[in-house]
Amino acid sequence: MTYTYKYKSPLGDMTMSSDGENLTGLWFDDQKHFAVNIKGEREGKLLPVFETTIRWLDIYYDGAEPDFMPPTKMVSTPFRHIVWEILKTIPYGETMTYGEIAKIAAEKCGKKTMSAQAVGGAVGHNFISVIVPCHRVVGTDGSLTGYAGGIDKKIRLLNIEKADMSKLYVPKKGTAL
């Protein structure tokens, strides 16, 4: 059984999912890959893990860095797990490039190099938006691309964190808009 609960964020409605103990998903309702990992029956129910997640999100959207994490469990490929663990290391209010993540992931996988595009695919399929901060990933040239929730939300999330936006920009065209 998968449990779900709705959260009204300042950036739009979000849906969270749980296996009953852990947060297994958190998406903006209009984002790409919405709830792709939810299979089978769903039940809407306020669980303790959702209460913890709501507290985390309330603190975050009030402009502060939460000092705790809800328990999470994301079932996927080993490669995606490596990328998602790297995302969790990006400090609040800072950014990291797809290329930087690719270098770290290659090292963890015992490879010389890794494709930034492969990393982009894993980042884009992150099941737990905002808390696992895929919005902090930018192009090597400072382009704000590739956020499944939309570039407008990516910018707003970085602004909430008071990230230095002076060297970042929205590209005029591209596949990751």
Protein backbone atom coordinates (compact mmCIF):
# COMPACT_ATOMS: atom_id res chain seq x y z
CA MET A 1 0.00 0.00 0.00
CA THR A 2 1.19 3.47 -0.84
CA TYR A 3 -0.03 6.38 1.26
CA THR A 4 -0.31 9.90 -0.14
CA TYR A 5 -0.93 13.34 1.24
CA LYS A 6 -1.27 16.81 -0.32
CA TYR A 7 0.76 19.83 0.74
CA LYS A 8 0.01 23.40 -0.36
CA SER A 9 3.38 25.06 -0.95
CA PRO A 10 3.88 28.70 -1.93
CA LEU A 11 4.99 27.36 -5.34
CA GLY A 12 1.96 25.13 -5.92
CA ASP A 13 0.39 21.96 -4.65
CA MET A 14 2.69 19.05 -3.86
CA THR A 15 1.95 15.37 -3.37
CA MET A 16 3.94 13.22 -1.00
CA SER A 17 3.98 9.44 -0.83
CA SER A 18 5.03 6.93 1.80
CA ASP A 19 5.38 3.21 2.39
CA GLY A 20 3.93 3.82 5.85
CA GLU A 21 7.23 4.69 7.54
CA ASN A 22 9.41 6.53 5.02
CA LEU A 23 8.88 9.36 2.58
CA THR A 24 9.07 7.71 -0.85
CA GLY A 25 8.06 10.65 -3.02
CA LEU A 26 7.49 14.39 -3.10
CA TRP A 27 6.47 16.12 -6.30
CA PHE A 28 4.96 19.37 -7.50
CA ASP A 29 1.62 18.26 -8.92
CA ASP A 30 2.43 19.60 -12.39
CA GLN A 31 6.00 18.35 -12.72
CA LYS A 32 7.45 15.84 -15.17
CA HIS A 33 7.70 12.26 -13.94
CA PHE A 34 4.98 12.94 -11.35
CA ALA A 35 4.52 9.93 -9.03
CA VAL A 36 6.22 7.54 -11.47
CA ASN A 37 7.32 5.25 -8.64
CA ILE A 38 3.82 4.78 -7.18
CA LYS A 39 2.40 1.41 -8.14
CA GLY A 40 -0.75 -0.32 -6.93
CA GLU A 41 -3.28 0.93 -4.43
CA ARG A 42 -3.10 4.39 -2.86
CA GLU A 43 -4.70 5.70 0.27
CA GLY A 44 -4.78 9.35 1.31
CA LYS A 45 -3.83 9.50 4.97
CA LEU A 46 -1.88 11.82 7.27
CA LEU A 47 1.00 9.73 8.65
CA PRO A 48 3.74 10.73 11.12
CA VAL A 49 6.28 10.81 8.27
CA PHE A 50 4.04 13.27 6.42
CA GLU A 51 3.79 15.44 9.56
CA THR A 52 7.61 15.48 9.73
CA THR A 53 7.80 16.31 6.02
CA ILE A 54 5.27 19.13 6.41
CA ARG A 55 7.30 20.56 9.30
CA TRP A 56 10.46 20.38 7.12
CA LEU A 57 8.71 22.07 4.18
CA ASP A 58 7.17 24.80 6.37
CA ILE A 59 10.61 25.68 7.76
CA TYR A 60 12.14 25.61 4.27
CA TYR A 61 9.46 27.78 2.65
CA ASP A 62 9.81 30.25 5.54
CA GLY A 63 13.39 30.79 4.27
CA ALA A 64 15.36 28.76 6.82
CA GLU A 65 17.43 25.63 6.45
CA PRO A 66 15.79 22.71 8.29
CA ASP A 67 18.17 20.96 10.70
CA PHE A 68 16.57 17.52 10.29
CA MET A 69 15.47 15.20 7.49
CA PRO A 70 12.35 13.10 7.26
CA PRO A 71 13.15 9.41 6.83
CA THR A 72 13.35 8.65 3.11
CA LYS A 73 13.43 5.54 0.96
CA MET A 74 13.86 5.75 -2.79
CA VAL A 75 13.78 2.48 -4.73
CA SER A 76 15.57 2.70 -8.08
CA THR A 77 18.80 1.77 -9.84
CA PRO A 78 22.18 1.80 -8.10
CA PHE A 79 23.33 4.61 -10.43
CA ARG A 80 20.39 6.85 -9.54
CA HIS A 81 21.05 6.21 -5.85
CA ILE A 82 24.65 7.36 -6.28
CA VAL A 83 23.51 10.57 -7.99
CA TRP A 84 20.76 11.21 -5.42
CA GLU A 85 23.22 10.76 -2.55
CA ILE A 86 25.50 13.33 -4.20
CA LEU A 87 22.53 15.73 -4.48
CA LYS A 88 22.07 15.50 -0.71
CA THR A 89 25.62 16.85 -0.23
CA ILE A 90 24.98 20.13 -2.08
CA PRO A 91 24.85 22.78 0.66
CA TYR A 92 21.75 24.91 1.17
CA GLY A 93 21.96 28.05 -0.98
CA GLU A 94 24.72 26.68 -3.22
CA THR A 95 24.78 24.97 -6.60
CA MET A 96 26.73 22.18 -8.28
CA THR A 97 27.04 21.44 -11.98
CA TYR A 98 25.99 18.29 -13.78
CA GLY A 99 29.66 17.90 -14.75
CA GLU A 100 30.83 18.09 -11.13
CA ILE A 101 28.28 15.47 -10.15
CA ALA A 102 29.41 13.30 -13.10
CA LYS A 103 33.03 13.42 -11.85
CA ILE A 104 32.03 12.38 -8.33
CA ALA A 105 29.68 9.65 -9.64
CA ALA A 106 32.39 8.29 -11.95
CA GLU A 107 34.77 8.03 -9.01
CA LYS A 108 32.14 6.25 -6.90
CA CYS A 109 31.44 3.84 -9.79
CA GLY A 110 35.15 3.17 -10.37
CA LYS A 111 35.11 4.76 -13.85
CA LYS A 112 37.38 7.36 -15.43
CA THR A 113 34.53 9.47 -16.74
CA MET A 114 30.78 9.67 -16.69
CA SER A 115 28.33 11.44 -18.96
CA ALA A 116 26.77 14.62 -17.59
CA GLN A 117 23.68 13.66 -19.63
CA ALA A 118 23.39 10.38 -17.70
CA VAL A 119 23.61 12.38 -14.49
CA GLY A 120 20.93 14.73 -15.84
CA GLY A 121 18.60 11.78 -16.39
CA ALA A 122 19.08 10.60 -12.81
CA VAL A 123 18.65 14.12 -11.43
CA GLY A 124 15.48 14.60 -13.47
CA HIS A 125 13.97 11.40 -12.07
CA ASN A 126 14.57 12.35 -8.43
CA PHE A 127 11.51 11.14 -6.51
CA ILE A 128 11.83 13.58 -3.59
CA SER A 129 11.84 17.14 -4.88
CA VAL A 130 13.13 20.01 -2.74
CA ILE A 131 14.31 17.78 0.15
CA VAL A 132 16.71 15.94 -2.17
CA PRO A 133 17.81 19.22 -3.77
CA CYS A 134 17.89 18.59 -7.52
CA HIS A 135 17.00 22.27 -7.98
CA ARG A 136 20.58 23.12 -6.92
CA VAL A 137 22.04 21.52 -10.06
CA VAL A 138 23.00 23.84 -12.92
CA GLY A 139 24.78 23.64 -16.26
CA THR A 140 28.55 24.11 -16.38
CA ASP A 141 28.03 27.50 -18.03
CA GLY A 142 25.60 28.62 -15.31
CA SER A 143 22.45 27.76 -17.24
CA LEU A 144 19.37 27.00 -15.18
CA THR A 145 18.18 23.92 -17.02
CA GLY A 146 16.71 20.56 -16.31
CA TYR A 147 14.32 21.00 -13.39
CA ALA A 148 11.32 18.65 -13.71
CA GLY A 149 9.22 21.09 -11.68
CA GLY A 150 9.92 23.88 -14.18
CA ILE A 151 12.57 26.57 -14.44
CA ASP A 152 10.32 29.11 -12.71
CA LYS A 153 10.15 26.91 -9.60
CA LYS A 154 13.90 26.22 -9.74
CA ILE A 155 14.57 29.97 -9.67
CA ARG A 156 12.11 30.52 -6.83
CA LEU A 157 13.63 27.67 -4.77
CA LEU A 158 17.14 29.08 -5.24
CA ASN A 159 15.84 32.53 -4.27
CA ILE A 160 14.28 31.09 -1.09
CA GLU A 161 17.76 29.80 -0.22
CA LYS A 162 19.30 33.19 -1.10
CA ALA A 163 21.64 31.48 -3.59
CA ASP A 164 24.00 33.69 -5.56
CA MET A 165 22.15 34.01 -8.87
CA SER A 166 24.56 36.54 -10.41
CA LYS A 167 26.29 34.01 -12.69
CA LEU A 168 23.20 31.93 -13.47
CA TYR A 169 20.86 32.42 -16.41
CA VAL A 170 17.88 30.91 -18.18
CA PRO A 171 18.83 29.75 -21.67
CA LYS A 172 16.74 30.98 -24.57
CA LYS A 173 16.42 27.51 -26.11
CA GLY A 174 17.39 23.94 -25.35
CA THR A 175 16.08 20.48 -24.67
CA ALA A 176 16.17 20.79 -20.90
CA LEU A 177 13.80 23.74 -20.52
